[in-house]
Amino acid sequence: MSHVCHNVVGLLKFSLLALLLINSSNAACVPLFGACVQSLECCNHPDIICRANVCFKPIAAVRGVENRITEYLEYQVRLSNLRESMKANTSRFK
């Protein structure tokens, strides 16, 4: 019985080591459910995104809401930049 247990444990160790090496290799991109920092690291980006340091594929409804939020935030940044440039131009004429 112990011989079988040692083989199972050895097989499990080998499998985990192989999985670790595959996930931690210097690949061009991070696989699905792999650790990431930015979405650009994930394979098949933009379909696969990085959230909470994990590459995953969001459902379509979330993707639509996320796109709208991103567009709104970009709009707010452009608006803020416009306000700052208008303030700078106004202060030069005083």
C-alpha atoms as a PDB file:
ATOM      1  CA  MET A   1       0.000   0.000   0.000  1.00  0.00           C
ATOM      2  CA  SER A   2       2.781   2.454   0.836  1.00  0.00           C
ATOM      3  CA  HIS A   3       4.351   1.842  -2.596  1.00  0.00           C
ATOM      4  CA  VAL A   4       1.123   3.030  -4.267  1.00  0.00           C
ATOM      5  CA  CYS A   5       0.901   6.026  -1.942  1.00  0.00           C
ATOM      6  CA  HIS A   6       4.460   7.064  -2.761  1.00  0.00           C
ATOM      7  CA  ASN A   7       3.744   6.806  -6.484  1.00  0.00           C
ATOM      8  CA  VAL A   8       0.576   8.886  -6.150  1.00  0.00           C
ATOM      9  CA  VAL A   9       2.401  11.503  -4.093  1.00  0.00           C
ATOM     10  CA  GLY A  10       5.279  11.497  -6.581  1.00  0.00           C
ATOM     11  CA  LEU A  11       2.865  11.873  -9.489  1.00  0.00           C
ATOM     12  CA  LEU A  12       1.105  14.716  -7.698  1.00  0.00           C
ATOM     13  CA  LYS A  13       4.423  16.453  -6.999  1.00  0.00           C
ATOM     14  CA  PHE A  14       5.463  16.058 -10.626  1.00  0.00           C
ATOM     15  CA  SER A  15       2.121  17.422 -11.869  1.00  0.00           C
ATOM     16  CA  LEU A  16       2.273  20.443  -9.586  1.00  0.00           C
ATOM     17  CA  LEU A  17       5.887  21.127 -10.528  1.00  0.00           C
ATOM     18  CA  ALA A  18       5.069  20.897 -14.234  1.00  0.00           C
ATOM     19  CA  LEU A  19       2.092  23.236 -13.785  1.00  0.00           C
ATOM     20  CA  LEU A  20       4.245  25.685 -11.846  1.00  0.00           C
ATOM     21  CA  LEU A  21       6.931  25.669 -14.531  1.00  0.00           C
ATOM     22  CA  ILE A  22       4.385  26.180 -17.302  1.00  0.00           C
ATOM     23  CA  ASN A  23       2.737  29.112 -15.508  1.00  0.00           C
ATOM     24  CA  SER A  24       5.973  30.783 -14.406  1.00  0.00           C
ATOM     25  CA  SER A  25       7.899  30.464 -17.664  1.00  0.00           C
ATOM     26  CA  ASN A  26       8.947  33.565 -19.591  1.00  0.00           C
ATOM     27  CA  ALA A  27       6.137  33.235 -22.108  1.00  0.00           C
ATOM     28  CA  ALA A  28       5.033  36.082 -24.333  1.00  0.00           C
ATOM     29  CA  CYS A  29       1.740  36.288 -22.449  1.00  0.00           C
ATOM     30  CA  VAL A  30       0.049  35.133 -19.248  1.00  0.00           C
ATOM     31  CA  PRO A  31      -2.395  32.198 -19.661  1.00  0.00           C
ATOM     32  CA  LEU A  32      -6.002  32.187 -18.470  1.00  0.00           C
ATOM     33  CA  PHE A  33      -6.167  32.263 -14.643  1.00  0.00           C
ATOM     34  CA  GLY A  34      -2.449  33.105 -14.513  1.00  0.00           C
ATOM     35  CA  ALA A  35      -1.039  35.870 -12.322  1.00  0.00           C
ATOM     36  CA  CYS A  36      -0.884  39.281 -14.027  1.00  0.00           C
ATOM     37  CA  VAL A  37      -0.383  42.958 -13.268  1.00  0.00           C
ATOM     38  CA  GLN A  38      -1.797  44.559 -16.435  1.00  0.00           C
ATOM     39  CA  SER A  39      -4.377  43.375 -18.971  1.00  0.00           C
ATOM     40  CA  LEU A  40      -1.834  43.650 -21.791  1.00  0.00           C
ATOM     41  CA  GLU A  41       0.082  40.738 -20.241  1.00  0.00           C
ATOM     42  CA  CYS A  42      -2.862  38.350 -20.711  1.00  0.00           C
ATOM     43  CA  CYS A  43      -3.023  36.083 -23.766  1.00  0.00           C
ATOM     44  CA  ASN A  44      -5.880  36.986 -26.158  1.00  0.00           C
ATOM     45  CA  HIS A  45      -6.187  40.532 -24.787  1.00  0.00           C
ATOM     46  CA  PRO A  46      -8.696  42.361 -25.003  1.00  0.00           C
ATOM     47  CA  ASP A  47     -11.013  39.316 -24.681  1.00  0.00           C
ATOM     48  CA  ILE A  48      -9.030  38.226 -21.634  1.00  0.00           C
ATOM     49  CA  ILE A  49      -8.440  40.948 -19.024  1.00  0.00           C
ATOM     50  CA  CYS A  50      -6.469  41.280 -15.788  1.00  0.00           C
ATOM     51  CA  ARG A  51      -8.525  41.905 -12.659  1.00  0.00           C
ATOM     52  CA  ALA A  52      -7.422  41.234  -9.073  1.00  0.00           C
ATOM     53  CA  ASN A  53      -4.052  40.074 -10.485  1.00  0.00           C
ATOM     54  CA  VAL A  54      -5.634  37.185 -12.449  1.00  0.00           C
ATOM     55  CA  CYS A  55      -6.244  36.874 -16.210  1.00  0.00           C
ATOM     56  CA  PHE A  56      -9.864  35.928 -16.901  1.00  0.00           C
ATOM     57  CA  LYS A  57     -12.597  36.287 -19.515  1.00  0.00           C
ATOM     58  CA  PRO A  58     -15.459  38.515 -18.334  1.00  0.00           C
ATOM     59  CA  ILE A  59     -19.044  37.888 -19.341  1.00  0.00           C
ATOM     60  CA  ALA A  60     -20.369  40.062 -22.172  1.00  0.00           C
ATOM     61  CA  ALA A  61     -22.606  42.174 -19.931  1.00  0.00           C
ATOM     62  CA  VAL A  62     -19.698  43.103 -17.705  1.00  0.00           C
ATOM     63  CA  ARG A  63     -17.574  43.915 -20.769  1.00  0.00           C
ATOM     64  CA  GLY A  64     -20.228  46.389 -22.016  1.00  0.00           C
ATOM     65  CA  VAL A  65     -20.504  48.137 -18.665  1.00  0.00           C
ATOM     66  CA  GLU A  66     -16.728  48.188 -18.332  1.00  0.00           C
ATOM     67  CA  ASN A  67     -16.392  49.823 -21.762  1.00  0.00           C
ATOM     68  CA  ARG A  68     -18.920  52.508 -20.820  1.00  0.00           C
ATOM     69  CA  ILE A  69     -17.116  53.184 -17.552  1.00  0.00           C
ATOM     70  CA  THR A  70     -13.785  53.434 -19.368  1.00  0.00           C
ATOM     71  CA  GLU A  71     -15.261  55.836 -21.939  1.00  0.00           C
ATOM     72  CA  TYR A  72     -16.748  57.965 -19.155  1.00  0.00           C
ATOM     73  CA  LEU A  73     -13.457  58.101 -17.248  1.00  0.00           C
ATOM     74  CA  GLU A  74     -11.587  59.063 -20.426  1.00  0.00           C
ATOM     75  CA  TYR A  75     -14.173  61.801 -21.013  1.00  0.00           C
ATOM     76  CA  GLN A  76     -13.654  63.084 -17.458  1.00  0.00           C
ATOM     77  CA  VAL A  77      -9.876  63.186 -17.980  1.00  0.00           C
ATOM     78  CA  ARG A  78     -10.282  65.114 -21.258  1.00  0.00           C
ATOM     79  CA  LEU A  79     -12.696  67.522 -19.566  1.00  0.00           C
ATOM     80  CA  SER A  80     -10.304  68.044 -16.657  1.00  0.00           C
ATOM     81  CA  ASN A  81      -7.414  68.686 -19.051  1.00  0.00           C
ATOM     82  CA  LEU A  82      -9.546  71.203 -20.951  1.00  0.00           C
ATOM     83  CA  ARG A  83     -10.442  73.014 -17.711  1.00  0.00           C
ATOM     84  CA  GLU A  84      -6.780  73.171 -16.695  1.00  0.00           C
ATOM     85  CA  SER A  85      -5.723  74.548 -20.068  1.00  0.00           C
ATOM     86  CA  MET A  86      -8.519  77.143 -19.945  1.00  0.00           C
ATOM     87  CA  LYS A  87      -7.402  78.210 -16.450  1.00  0.00           C
ATOM     88  CA  ALA A  88      -3.810  78.507 -17.647  1.00  0.00           C
ATOM     89  CA  ASN A  89      -4.855  80.589 -20.665  1.00  0.00           C
ATOM     90  CA  THR A  90      -7.128  82.821 -18.558  1.00  0.00           C
ATOM     91  CA  SER A  91      -4.435  83.485 -15.952  1.00  0.00           C
ATOM     92  CA  ARG A  92      -1.991  84.617 -18.654  1.00  0.00           C
ATOM     93  CA  PHE A  93      -4.330  87.431 -19.727  1.00  0.00           C
ATOM     94  CA  LYS A  94      -4.855  88.910 -16.228  1.00  0.00           C
END
